[in-house]
Amino acid sequence: MTAKNTRFIQRTIVRGLLLGFSVTFLGLALHAEEDERSPAQMIAEATNPVFRTTVEWYKPPPESFDLSRGVRLPYQLFDAVPVALIEEATALLGDEDVIPLTTQQVTRFSSAVDPDAVLDTKIEEAKKKLLFFQENPVDLTLLKQYGMSGEEQEERRRRMMEDLATEIKCLQEWERQLKPYLVKAVALQAGGYFSGVFVSQDLVIGFGAMGSHPVPMERRAVVAFLPKKPRHVYTGVGMME
């Protein structure tokens, strides 16, 4: 990587920090990660009027729930059941929020995905981000140009590295442990995708959509590859213009 490219990435990180972003902004700068938003971000945005109606499957986490302490799962591990099979999947779930699936059921309700390959890719991306932070401290002179405190940003950088190390450790523990489940979720009647985060024994599954005005909410059953059956399932939605 040239000095020019390194400085460009450093400037991108600083601007990201100014806007309140962290690791995701670094991923964009390196062109190493898809434009992905976490359930924590989605659900936070749901405090704005992004939906006109709610459904009984809408179960946002309690206010005391600390989503920042969770580990995000790649969105590729979540696949919405096709519209034509929603009633069948809903009947299969019954009163349960999440149930395990057989290999035959996974084939019926979702497209083909190799969960281990997805997880391996996520681990390698996180390692690259961590290595970049370790080898490229933010230029303090550049920080001063933006009127920012070097100590404050160095502390933020340290926290980001700790979060990445924790994420890597947890994802590595989940290698070859992912199993398919059918999960109750909610979506907006707009284009978007699902992603999730594990917080201790609980799963938060969120739907992110693009749009600029409130739309109806709907129930959606989702096939998710998870490291374990969650104790509780919380659901949320969000919208980005």
C-alpha atoms as a PDB file:
ATOM      1  CA  MET A   1       0.000   0.000   0.000  1.00  0.00           C
ATOM      2  CA  THR A   2       1.455   3.381  -1.010  1.00  0.00           C
ATOM      3  CA  ALA A   3       1.885   6.285   1.396  1.00  0.00           C
ATOM      4  CA  LYS A   4      -0.702   8.211  -0.634  1.00  0.00           C
ATOM      5  CA  ASN A   5      -3.285   5.435  -0.269  1.00  0.00           C
ATOM      6  CA  THR A   6      -2.545   5.079   3.434  1.00  0.00           C
ATOM      7  CA  ARG A   7      -3.091   8.798   3.984  1.00  0.00           C
ATOM      8  CA  PHE A   8      -6.349   8.674   1.995  1.00  0.00           C
ATOM      9  CA  ILE A   9      -7.616   5.847   4.178  1.00  0.00           C
ATOM     10  CA  GLN A  10      -6.576   7.729   7.306  1.00  0.00           C
ATOM     11  CA  ARG A  11      -8.544  10.758   6.136  1.00  0.00           C
ATOM     12  CA  THR A  12     -11.530   8.505   5.457  1.00  0.00           C
ATOM     13  CA  ILE A  13     -11.313   7.058   8.971  1.00  0.00           C
ATOM     14  CA  VAL A  14     -11.147  10.520  10.527  1.00  0.00           C
ATOM     15  CA  ARG A  15     -14.198  11.679   8.610  1.00  0.00           C
ATOM     16  CA  GLY A  16     -15.949   8.472   9.657  1.00  0.00           C
ATOM     17  CA  LEU A  17     -15.127   9.113  13.293  1.00  0.00           C
ATOM     18  CA  LEU A  18     -16.479  12.621  12.976  1.00  0.00           C
ATOM     19  CA  LEU A  19     -19.757  11.183  11.746  1.00  0.00           C
ATOM     20  CA  GLY A  20     -19.879   8.609  14.532  1.00  0.00           C
ATOM     21  CA  PHE A  21     -18.969   5.589  12.416  1.00  0.00           C
ATOM     22  CA  SER A  22     -16.165   3.178  13.229  1.00  0.00           C
ATOM     23  CA  VAL A  23     -15.292  -0.223  11.801  1.00  0.00           C
ATOM     24  CA  THR A  24     -17.841  -0.125   8.971  1.00  0.00           C
ATOM     25  CA  PHE A  25     -16.332   3.088   7.652  1.00  0.00           C
ATOM     26  CA  LEU A  26     -12.902   1.466   7.600  1.00  0.00           C
ATOM     27  CA  GLY A  27     -14.353  -1.434   5.632  1.00  0.00           C
ATOM     28  CA  LEU A  28     -15.690   0.994   3.045  1.00  0.00           C
ATOM     29  CA  ALA A  29     -12.315   2.706   2.767  1.00  0.00           C
ATOM     30  CA  LEU A  30     -10.569  -0.604   2.114  1.00  0.00           C
ATOM     31  CA  HIS A  31     -13.270  -1.782  -0.306  1.00  0.00           C
ATOM     32  CA  ALA A  32     -13.216  -5.037   1.636  1.00  0.00           C
ATOM     33  CA  GLU A  33     -16.763  -5.222   2.924  1.00  0.00           C
ATOM     34  CA  GLU A  34     -20.299  -4.860   1.586  1.00  0.00           C
ATOM     35  CA  ASP A  35     -22.462  -1.907   2.592  1.00  0.00           C
ATOM     36  CA  GLU A  36     -23.826  -3.570   5.683  1.00  0.00           C
ATOM     37  CA  ARG A  37     -25.755  -2.071   8.575  1.00  0.00           C
ATOM     38  CA  SER A  38     -26.027  -3.763  11.924  1.00  0.00           C
ATOM     39  CA  PRO A  39     -29.323  -4.581  13.654  1.00  0.00           C
ATOM     40  CA  ALA A  40     -28.310  -2.140  16.392  1.00  0.00           C
ATOM     41  CA  GLN A  41     -28.228   0.663  13.835  1.00  0.00           C
ATOM     42  CA  MET A  42     -31.465  -0.473  12.208  1.00  0.00           C
ATOM     43  CA  ILE A  43     -33.371  -0.690  15.460  1.00  0.00           C
ATOM     44  CA  ALA A  44     -32.028   2.651  16.618  1.00  0.00           C
ATOM     45  CA  GLU A  45     -33.344   4.198  13.412  1.00  0.00           C
ATOM     46  CA  ALA A  46     -36.728   2.578  14.028  1.00  0.00           C
ATOM     47  CA  THR A  47     -37.376   5.236  16.676  1.00  0.00           C
ATOM     48  CA  ASN A  48     -38.159   7.401  13.636  1.00  0.00           C
ATOM     49  CA  PRO A  49     -41.534   6.801  11.928  1.00  0.00           C
ATOM     50  CA  VAL A  50     -40.359   4.211   9.407  1.00  0.00           C
ATOM     51  CA  PHE A  51     -43.474   2.032   9.643  1.00  0.00           C
ATOM     52  CA  ARG A  52     -47.194   2.790   9.558  1.00  0.00           C
ATOM     53  CA  THR A  53     -48.363  -0.466  11.114  1.00  0.00           C
ATOM     54  CA  THR A  54     -46.985  -3.188  13.381  1.00  0.00           C
ATOM     55  CA  VAL A  55     -47.552  -6.937  13.601  1.00  0.00           C
ATOM     56  CA  GLU A  56     -47.516  -9.390  16.498  1.00  0.00           C
ATOM     57  CA  TRP A  57     -44.035 -10.637  15.575  1.00  0.00           C
ATOM     58  CA  TYR A  58     -42.591  -7.175  16.248  1.00  0.00           C
ATOM     59  CA  LYS A  59     -40.653  -7.601  19.498  1.00  0.00           C
ATOM     60  CA  PRO A  60     -37.978  -4.918  19.944  1.00  0.00           C
ATOM     61  CA  PRO A  61     -35.431  -5.546  22.694  1.00  0.00           C
ATOM     62  CA  PRO A  62     -35.977  -3.794  26.036  1.00  0.00           C
ATOM     63  CA  GLU A  63     -34.335  -0.397  26.533  1.00  0.00           C
ATOM     64  CA  SER A  64     -31.867  -1.934  28.979  1.00  0.00           C
ATOM     65  CA  PHE A  65     -30.616  -4.347  26.291  1.00  0.00           C
ATOM     66  CA  ASP A  66     -27.022  -3.505  25.317  1.00  0.00           C
ATOM     67  CA  LEU A  67     -26.722  -4.310  21.624  1.00  0.00           C
ATOM     68  CA  SER A  68     -23.185  -2.953  21.521  1.00  0.00           C
ATOM     69  CA  ARG A  69     -22.038  -5.956  23.559  1.00  0.00           C
ATOM     70  CA  GLY A  70     -23.174  -8.421  20.930  1.00  0.00           C
ATOM     71  CA  VAL A  71     -21.437 -10.079  17.986  1.00  0.00           C
ATOM     72  CA  ARG A  72     -22.825  -9.369  14.555  1.00  0.00           C
ATOM     73  CA  LEU A  73     -23.522 -12.269  12.226  1.00  0.00           C
ATOM     74  CA  PRO A  74     -22.950 -11.817   8.467  1.00  0.00           C
ATOM     75  CA  TYR A  75     -26.135 -10.942   6.644  1.00  0.00           C
ATOM     76  CA  GLN A  76     -25.488 -13.824   4.219  1.00  0.00           C
ATOM     77  CA  LEU A  77     -26.491 -16.204   7.034  1.00  0.00           C
ATOM     78  CA  PHE A  78     -30.067 -14.856   6.955  1.00  0.00           C
ATOM     79  CA  ASP A  79     -32.428 -15.720   4.117  1.00  0.00           C
ATOM     80  CA  ALA A  80     -36.099 -14.762   3.989  1.00  0.00           C
ATOM     81  CA  VAL A  81     -38.489 -17.597   3.177  1.00  0.00           C
ATOM     82  CA  PRO A  82     -39.995 -17.114  -0.319  1.00  0.00           C
ATOM     83  CA  VAL A  83     -43.387 -15.387  -0.325  1.00  0.00           C
ATOM     84  CA  ALA A  84     -45.090 -18.491  -1.735  1.00  0.00           C
ATOM     85  CA  LEU A  85     -43.940 -20.525   1.292  1.00  0.00           C
ATOM     86  CA  ILE A  86     -44.607 -17.998   4.076  1.00  0.00           C
ATOM     87  CA  GLU A  87     -47.855 -19.630   5.203  1.00  0.00           C
ATOM     88  CA  GLU A  88     -46.202 -23.050   5.320  1.00  0.00           C
ATOM     89  CA  ALA A  89     -43.261 -21.709   7.317  1.00  0.00           C
ATOM     90  CA  THR A  90     -45.571 -19.796   9.681  1.00  0.00           C
ATOM     91  CA  ALA A  91     -47.564 -22.951  10.369  1.00  0.00           C
ATOM     92  CA  LEU A  92     -44.337 -24.846  11.033  1.00  0.00           C
ATOM     93  CA  LEU A  93     -43.251 -22.246  13.597  1.00  0.00           C
ATOM     94  CA  GLY A  94     -46.581 -22.288  15.427  1.00  0.00           C
ATOM     95  CA  ASP A  95     -46.163 -20.524  18.777  1.00  0.00           C
ATOM     96  CA  GLU A  96     -42.367 -20.813  18.756  1.00  0.00           C
ATOM     97  CA  ASP A  97     -40.105 -17.888  17.866  1.00  0.00           C
ATOM     98  CA  VAL A  98     -37.356 -20.167  16.573  1.00  0.00           C
ATOM     99  CA  ILE A  99     -37.111 -23.859  15.658  1.00  0.00           C
ATOM    100  CA  PRO A 100     -34.307 -26.041  14.238  1.00  0.00           C
ATOM    101  CA  LEU A 101     -34.536 -27.144  10.615  1.00  0.00           C
ATOM    102  CA  THR A 102     -33.594 -30.335   8.853  1.00  0.00           C
ATOM    103  CA  THR A 103     -31.400 -30.313   5.757  1.00  0.00           C
ATOM    104  CA  GLN A 104     -34.465 -31.030   3.627  1.00  0.00           C
ATOM    105  CA  GLN A 105     -36.370 -28.101   5.151  1.00  0.00           C
ATOM    106  CA  VAL A 106     -33.426 -25.746   4.595  1.00  0.00           C
ATOM    107  CA  THR A 107     -33.368 -26.715   0.924  1.00  0.00           C
ATOM    108  CA  ARG A 108     -37.095 -26.014   0.638  1.00  0.00           C
ATOM    109  CA  PHE A 109     -37.198 -22.691   2.462  1.00  0.00           C
ATOM    110  CA  SER A 110     -33.941 -21.008   1.385  1.00  0.00           C
ATOM    111  CA  SER A 111     -31.339 -20.689  -1.327  1.00  0.00           C
ATOM    112  CA  ALA A 112     -28.068 -22.579  -1.172  1.00  0.00           C
ATOM    113  CA  VAL A 113     -25.463 -21.110   1.190  1.00  0.00           C
ATOM    114  CA  ASP A 114     -22.275 -22.462   2.734  1.00  0.00           C
ATOM    115  CA  PRO A 115     -22.383 -21.034   6.280  1.00  0.00           C
ATOM    116  CA  ASP A 116     -18.828 -22.100   7.083  1.00  0.00           C
ATOM    117  CA  ALA A 117     -17.467 -20.299   4.021  1.00  0.00           C
ATOM    118  CA  VAL A 118     -19.418 -17.167   4.959  1.00  0.00           C
ATOM    119  CA  LEU A 119     -18.023 -17.264   8.492  1.00  0.00           C
ATOM    120  CA  ASP A 120     -14.457 -17.842   7.270  1.00  0.00           C
ATOM    121  CA  THR A 121     -14.735 -14.782   5.022  1.00  0.00           C
ATOM    122  CA  LYS A 122     -16.052 -12.656   7.885  1.00  0.00           C
ATOM    123  CA  ILE A 123     -13.166 -13.725  10.127  1.00  0.00           C
ATOM    124  CA  GLU A 124     -10.571 -12.865   7.488  1.00  0.00           C
ATOM    125  CA  GLU A 125     -12.158  -9.437   6.913  1.00  0.00           C
ATOM    126  CA  ALA A 126     -12.097  -8.700  10.640  1.00  0.00           C
ATOM    127  CA  LYS A 127      -8.443  -9.776  10.850  1.00  0.00           C
ATOM    128  CA  LYS A 128      -7.511  -7.421   8.006  1.00  0.00           C
ATOM    129  CA  LYS A 129      -9.266  -4.522   9.720  1.00  0.00           C
ATOM    130  CA  LEU A 130      -7.570  -5.244  13.024  1.00  0.00           C
ATOM    131  CA  LEU A 131      -4.162  -5.500  11.346  1.00  0.00           C
ATOM    132  CA  PHE A 132      -4.714  -2.196   9.585  1.00  0.00           C
ATOM    133  CA  PHE A 133      -5.536  -0.443  12.867  1.00  0.00           C
ATOM    134  CA  GLN A 134      -2.504  -2.007  14.507  1.00  0.00           C
ATOM    135  CA  GLU A 135      -0.123  -0.957  11.745  1.00  0.00           C
ATOM    136  CA  ASN A 136      -1.621   2.431  10.851  1.00  0.00           C
ATOM    137  CA  PRO A 137      -2.338   4.725  13.787  1.00  0.00           C
ATOM    138  CA  VAL A 138      -4.315   7.818  12.810  1.00  0.00           C
ATOM    139  CA  ASP A 139      -2.110  10.820  12.026  1.00  0.00           C
ATOM    140  CA  LEU A 140      -2.274  13.199  15.027  1.00  0.00           C
ATOM    141  CA  THR A 141      -1.466  16.141  12.788  1.00  0.00           C
ATOM    142  CA  LEU A 142      -4.462  15.251  10.665  1.00  0.00           C
ATOM    143  CA  LEU A 143      -6.630  15.064  13.778  1.00  0.00           C
ATOM    144  CA  LYS A 144      -5.597  18.577  14.785  1.00  0.00           C
ATOM    145  CA  GLN A 145      -6.656  19.859  11.350  1.00  0.00           C
ATOM    146  CA  TYR A 146     -10.166  18.700  12.178  1.00  0.00           C
ATOM    147  CA  GLY A 147     -10.029  20.146  15.690  1.00  0.00           C
ATOM    148  CA  MET A 148     -10.127  16.709  17.318  1.00  0.00           C
ATOM    149  CA  SER A 149      -8.473  15.486  20.502  1.00  0.00           C
ATOM    150  CA  GLY A 150      -5.690  13.009  19.851  1.00  0.00           C
ATOM    151  CA  GLU A 151      -6.189  11.259  23.196  1.00  0.00           C
ATOM    152  CA  GLU A 152      -9.927  10.911  22.633  1.00  0.00           C
ATOM    153  CA  GLN A 153      -9.534   9.421  19.173  1.00  0.00           C
ATOM    154  CA  GLU A 154      -6.721   7.138  20.275  1.00  0.00           C
ATOM    155  CA  GLU A 155      -9.045   5.777  22.967  1.00  0.00           C
ATOM    156  CA  ARG A 156     -11.755   5.252  20.378  1.00  0.00           C
ATOM    157  CA  ARG A 157      -9.243   3.484  18.122  1.00  0.00           C
ATOM    158  CA  ARG A 158      -8.213   1.258  21.037  1.00  0.00           C
ATOM    159  CA  ARG A 159     -11.849   0.335  21.717  1.00  0.00           C
ATOM    160  CA  MET A 160     -12.389  -0.517  18.061  1.00  0.00           C
ATOM    161  CA  MET A 161      -9.386  -2.834  18.105  1.00  0.00           C
ATOM    162  CA  GLU A 162     -10.676  -4.505  21.271  1.00  0.00           C
ATOM    163  CA  ASP A 163     -14.096  -4.979  19.661  1.00  0.00           C
ATOM    164  CA  LEU A 164     -12.513  -6.497  16.556  1.00  0.00           C
ATOM    165  CA  ALA A 165     -10.387  -8.872  18.642  1.00  0.00           C
ATOM    166  CA  THR A 166     -13.502  -9.945  20.566  1.00  0.00           C
ATOM    167  CA  GLU A 167     -15.441 -10.432  17.340  1.00  0.00           C
ATOM    168  CA  ILE A 168     -12.684 -12.559  15.821  1.00  0.00           C
ATOM    169  CA  LYS A 169     -12.423 -14.735  18.923  1.00  0.00           C
ATOM    170  CA  CYS A 170     -16.187 -15.309  19.044  1.00  0.00           C
ATOM    171  CA  LEU A 171     -16.511 -16.036  15.323  1.00  0.00           C
ATOM    172  CA  GLN A 172     -13.629 -18.504  15.521  1.00  0.00           C
ATOM    173  CA  GLU A 173     -15.401 -20.306  18.356  1.00  0.00           C
ATOM    174  CA  TRP A 174     -18.456 -20.590  16.100  1.00  0.00           C
ATOM    175  CA  GLU A 175     -16.540 -22.196  13.231  1.00  0.00           C
ATOM    176  CA  ARG A 176     -18.181 -25.464  12.115  1.00  0.00           C
ATOM    177  CA  GLN A 177     -20.857 -24.898  14.773  1.00  0.00           C
ATOM    178  CA  LEU A 178     -23.523 -23.073  12.727  1.00  0.00           C
ATOM    179  CA  LYS A 179     -26.874 -24.849  12.432  1.00  0.00           C
ATOM    180  CA  PRO A 180     -30.017 -23.873  10.472  1.00  0.00           C
ATOM    181  CA  TYR A 181     -33.044 -22.448  12.260  1.00  0.00           C
ATOM    182  CA  LEU A 182     -36.381 -20.994  11.206  1.00  0.00           C
ATOM    183  CA  VAL A 183     -36.929 -17.664  12.964  1.00  0.00           C
ATOM    184  CA  LYS A 184     -39.832 -15.246  13.284  1.00  0.00           C
ATOM    185  CA  ALA A 185     -38.895 -11.786  12.037  1.00  0.00           C
ATOM    186  CA  VAL A 186     -40.510  -8.619  10.752  1.00  0.00           C
ATOM    187  CA  ALA A 187     -39.857  -6.600   7.612  1.00  0.00           C
ATOM    188  CA  LEU A 188     -40.991  -3.427   5.926  1.00  0.00           C
ATOM    189  CA  GLN A 189     -42.885  -3.572   2.664  1.00  0.00           C
ATOM    190  CA  ALA A 190     -39.842  -2.231   0.866  1.00  0.00           C
ATOM    191  CA  GLY A 191     -36.653  -3.681  -0.542  1.00  0.00           C
ATOM    192  CA  GLY A 192     -34.084  -4.662   2.074  1.00  0.00           C
ATOM    193  CA  TYR A 193     -32.304  -7.486   3.848  1.00  0.00           C
ATOM    194  CA  PHE A 194     -31.995  -9.201   7.224  1.00  0.00           C
ATOM    195  CA  SER A 195     -29.038  -9.400   9.566  1.00  0.00           C
ATOM    196  CA  GLY A 196     -28.601 -10.328  13.199  1.00  0.00           C
ATOM    197  CA  VAL A 197     -26.535  -9.996  16.329  1.00  0.00           C
ATOM    198  CA  PHE A 198     -26.058 -12.405  19.210  1.00  0.00           C
ATOM    199  CA  VAL A 199     -26.011 -10.847  22.668  1.00  0.00           C
ATOM    200  CA  SER A 200     -25.153 -13.550  25.181  1.00  0.00           C
ATOM    201  CA  GLN A 201     -27.955 -16.105  24.730  1.00  0.00           C
ATOM    202  CA  ASP A 202     -30.318 -13.827  22.777  1.00  0.00           C
ATOM    203  CA  LEU A 203     -30.733 -13.049  19.072  1.00  0.00           C
ATOM    204  CA  VAL A 204     -31.729  -9.685  17.643  1.00  0.00           C
ATOM    205  CA  ILE A 205     -32.780  -9.971  14.011  1.00  0.00           C
ATOM    206  CA  GLY A 206     -33.240  -6.734  12.099  1.00  0.00           C
ATOM    207  CA  PHE A 207     -34.477  -5.725   8.678  1.00  0.00           C
ATOM    208  CA  GLY A 208     -32.934  -2.740   6.916  1.00  0.00           C
ATOM    209  CA  ALA A 209     -34.645  -1.007   3.998  1.00  0.00           C
ATOM    210  CA  MET A 210     -34.109   1.943   1.714  1.00  0.00           C
ATOM    211  CA  GLY A 211     -36.764   4.652   1.656  1.00  0.00           C
ATOM    212  CA  SER A 212     -37.887   8.061   2.826  1.00  0.00           C
ATOM    213  CA  HIS A 213     -41.429   7.581   4.138  1.00  0.00           C
ATOM    214  CA  PRO A 214     -43.251   5.182   6.511  1.00  0.00           C
ATOM    215  CA  VAL A 215     -44.465   1.875   5.058  1.00  0.00           C
ATOM    216  CA  PRO A 216     -46.456  -1.057   6.482  1.00  0.00           C
ATOM    217  CA  MET A 217     -44.736  -3.779   8.497  1.00  0.00           C
ATOM    218  CA  GLU A 218     -45.172  -7.462   7.742  1.00  0.00           C
ATOM    219  CA  ARG A 219     -44.304 -10.831   9.260  1.00  0.00           C
ATOM    220  CA  ARG A 220     -41.467 -12.751   7.614  1.00  0.00           C
ATOM    221  CA  ALA A 221     -40.065 -16.153   8.447  1.00  0.00           C
ATOM    222  CA  VAL A 222     -36.295 -16.298   8.006  1.00  0.00           C
ATOM    223  CA  VAL A 223     -33.838 -19.178   7.679  1.00  0.00           C
ATOM    224  CA  ALA A 224     -30.822 -18.317   9.840  1.00  0.00           C
ATOM    225  CA  PHE A 225     -27.596 -20.193  10.456  1.00  0.00           C
ATOM    226  CA  LEU A 226     -26.789 -19.708  14.131  1.00  0.00           C
ATOM    227  CA  PRO A 227     -24.176 -21.032  16.584  1.00  0.00           C
ATOM    228  CA  LYS A 228     -26.927 -22.099  19.008  1.00  0.00           C
ATOM    229  CA  LYS A 229     -30.653 -21.850  19.581  1.00  0.00           C
ATOM    230  CA  PRO A 230     -31.307 -18.435  21.131  1.00  0.00           C
ATOM    231  CA  ARG A 231     -33.083 -18.096  24.454  1.00  0.00           C
ATOM    232  CA  HIS A 232     -35.062 -15.098  23.208  1.00  0.00           C
ATOM    233  CA  VAL A 233     -35.607 -13.584  19.759  1.00  0.00           C
ATOM    234  CA  TYR A 234     -36.041  -9.827  19.388  1.00  0.00           C
ATOM    235  CA  THR A 235     -37.015  -8.159  16.125  1.00  0.00           C
ATOM    236  CA  GLY A 236     -36.582  -4.699  14.661  1.00  0.00           C
ATOM    237  CA  VAL A 237     -36.646  -2.658  11.476  1.00  0.00           C
ATOM    238  CA  GLY A 238     -34.899   0.427  10.172  1.00  0.00           C
ATOM    239  CA  MET A 239     -34.739   2.599   7.094  1.00  0.00           C
ATOM    240  CA  MET A 240     -31.972   4.534   5.390  1.00  0.00           C
ATOM    241  CA  GLU A 241     -32.621   7.205   2.759  1.00  0.00           C
END
